[in-house]
N, C-alpha and C. Protein backbone atom coordinates (compact mmCIF):
# COMPACT_ATOMS: atom_id res chain seq x y z
N UNK A 1 74.33 100.89 77.86
CA UNK A 1 73.98 101.72 78.92
C UNK A 1 73.78 100.86 80.30
N UNK A 2 73.23 100.19 80.20
CA UNK A 2 73.15 99.10 81.51
C UNK A 2 74.05 98.50 81.86
N UNK A 3 75.00 98.18 81.21
CA UNK A 3 76.26 97.65 81.59
C UNK A 3 77.39 98.55 82.17
N UNK A 4 77.18 99.77 81.88
CA UNK A 4 77.98 100.91 82.09
C UNK A 4 77.44 101.01 83.82
N UNK A 5 75.93 100.98 83.86
CA UNK A 5 75.55 101.61 85.25
C UNK A 5 75.98 100.38 86.13
N UNK A 6 76.30 99.12 85.91
CA UNK A 6 76.50 97.82 86.66
C UNK A 6 77.73 98.00 86.85
N UNK A 7 78.72 98.42 86.00
CA UNK A 7 79.81 98.49 86.55
C UNK A 7 80.29 99.38 87.35
N UNK A 8 79.59 100.82 87.10
CA UNK A 8 80.07 101.59 87.99
C UNK A 8 79.19 101.24 89.36
N UNK A 9 77.96 100.53 89.23
CA UNK A 9 77.74 100.18 90.56
C UNK A 9 78.72 99.21 91.38
N UNK A 10 78.97 98.48 90.80
CA UNK A 10 79.81 97.58 91.16
C UNK A 10 81.18 98.15 91.73
N UNK A 11 81.81 98.87 91.16
CA UNK A 11 82.89 99.71 91.87
C UNK A 11 82.36 100.26 93.00
N UNK A 12 81.39 101.19 93.22
CA UNK A 12 81.11 101.83 94.35
C UNK A 12 80.85 100.92 95.36
N UNK A 13 80.15 99.46 95.07
CA UNK A 13 80.12 98.70 95.91
C UNK A 13 81.41 98.06 96.30
N UNK A 14 82.40 97.54 95.66
CA UNK A 14 83.68 97.37 96.03
C UNK A 14 84.48 98.41 96.90
N UNK A 15 84.42 99.47 96.62
CA UNK A 15 85.03 100.69 97.77
C UNK A 15 84.33 100.66 98.92
N UNK A 16 83.06 100.58 98.54
CA UNK A 16 82.24 100.54 100.15
C UNK A 16 82.88 99.26 101.16
N UNK A 17 82.95 98.51 100.50
CA UNK A 17 83.42 97.02 101.19
C UNK A 17 84.89 97.45 101.59
N UNK A 18 85.69 97.56 100.69
CA UNK A 18 86.97 98.08 101.16
C UNK A 18 87.16 99.29 102.57
N UNK A 19 86.36 99.94 102.35
CA UNK A 19 86.16 101.08 103.55
C UNK A 19 85.73 100.53 104.74
N UNK A 20 84.51 99.64 104.57
CA UNK A 20 84.24 99.01 105.93
C UNK A 20 85.18 98.04 106.22
N UNK A 21 86.03 97.20 105.73
CA UNK A 21 86.96 96.22 105.96
C UNK A 21 88.13 97.18 106.55
N UNK A 22 88.65 98.08 105.89
CA UNK A 22 89.75 99.20 106.62
C UNK A 22 89.06 99.86 107.91
N UNK A 23 87.88 100.04 108.17
CA UNK A 23 87.40 100.59 109.31
C UNK A 23 87.49 99.55 110.39
N UNK A 24 87.03 98.17 109.96
CA UNK A 24 87.18 97.29 110.82
C UNK A 24 88.57 96.80 111.28
N UNK A 25 89.23 96.68 110.57
CA UNK A 25 90.80 96.54 110.82
C UNK A 25 91.51 97.57 111.75
N UNK A 26 91.15 98.92 111.38
CA UNK A 26 91.80 99.83 112.28
C UNK A 26 90.79 99.83 113.97
N UNK A 27 89.76 99.59 113.58
CA UNK A 27 89.03 99.27 115.15
C UNK A 27 89.65 98.35 115.98
N UNK A 28 89.98 97.05 115.12
CA UNK A 28 90.96 95.95 115.97
C UNK A 28 92.14 96.15 116.37
N UNK A 29 92.90 96.91 115.48
CA UNK A 29 94.16 96.89 115.84
C UNK A 29 94.48 98.27 116.06
N UNK A 30 93.58 99.30 116.39
CA UNK A 30 94.13 100.52 116.93
C UNK A 30 95.43 100.75 117.22
N UNK A 31 95.08 100.39 118.82
CA UNK A 31 96.20 100.71 119.58
C UNK A 31 97.63 100.26 119.39
N UNK A 32 97.68 98.72 119.09
CA UNK A 32 99.04 98.41 118.85
C UNK A 32 99.70 98.74 117.67
N UNK A 33 99.02 99.10 116.63
CA UNK A 33 99.84 99.26 114.99
C UNK A 33 100.30 101.12 115.32
N UNK A 34 99.16 101.88 116.07
CA UNK A 34 99.66 103.07 116.45
C UNK A 34 100.82 103.24 117.20
N UNK A 35 100.99 102.39 118.01
CA UNK A 35 102.06 102.66 118.93
C UNK A 35 103.46 102.00 118.21
N UNK A 36 103.29 100.99 117.49
CA UNK A 36 104.49 100.64 116.73
C UNK A 36 104.74 101.48 115.66
N UNK A 37 103.95 102.43 115.17
CA UNK A 37 104.32 103.64 114.25
C UNK A 37 104.80 104.46 114.84
N UNK A 38 104.26 104.85 115.88
CA UNK A 38 105.03 106.11 116.60
C UNK A 38 106.39 105.81 116.82
N UNK A 39 106.51 104.46 117.07
CA UNK A 39 107.85 104.45 117.74
C UNK A 39 108.66 104.21 116.57
N UNK A 40 108.30 103.70 115.57
CA UNK A 40 109.14 103.53 114.28
C UNK A 40 109.63 105.09 113.69
N UNK A 41 108.43 105.82 113.68
CA UNK A 41 108.54 107.39 113.33
C UNK A 41 109.53 108.06 113.87
N UNK A 42 109.32 107.86 115.37
CA UNK A 42 110.56 108.50 116.27
C UNK A 42 111.89 108.04 116.06
N UNK A 43 112.02 106.85 115.81
CA UNK A 43 113.47 106.33 115.58
C UNK A 43 113.97 106.84 114.21
N UNK A 44 113.10 106.94 113.48
CA UNK A 44 113.64 107.86 112.12
C UNK A 44 113.92 109.01 112.19
N UNK A 45 113.22 109.74 113.04
CA UNK A 45 113.73 111.06 113.29
C UNK A 45 115.24 111.21 113.53
N UNK A 46 115.94 112.18 112.93
CA UNK A 46 117.13 112.64 113.26
C UNK A 46 117.73 113.14 114.71
């Protein structure tokens, strides 16, 4: 029972850490990646 709780809490912690890292990456690279993404999508449209 204790091991299951530790496993679940560990997974939740990893998910939270990955979310924070994703948000940090988005904040620092927002403008550049969005411009590249929009340009690539516009070129791929027929």
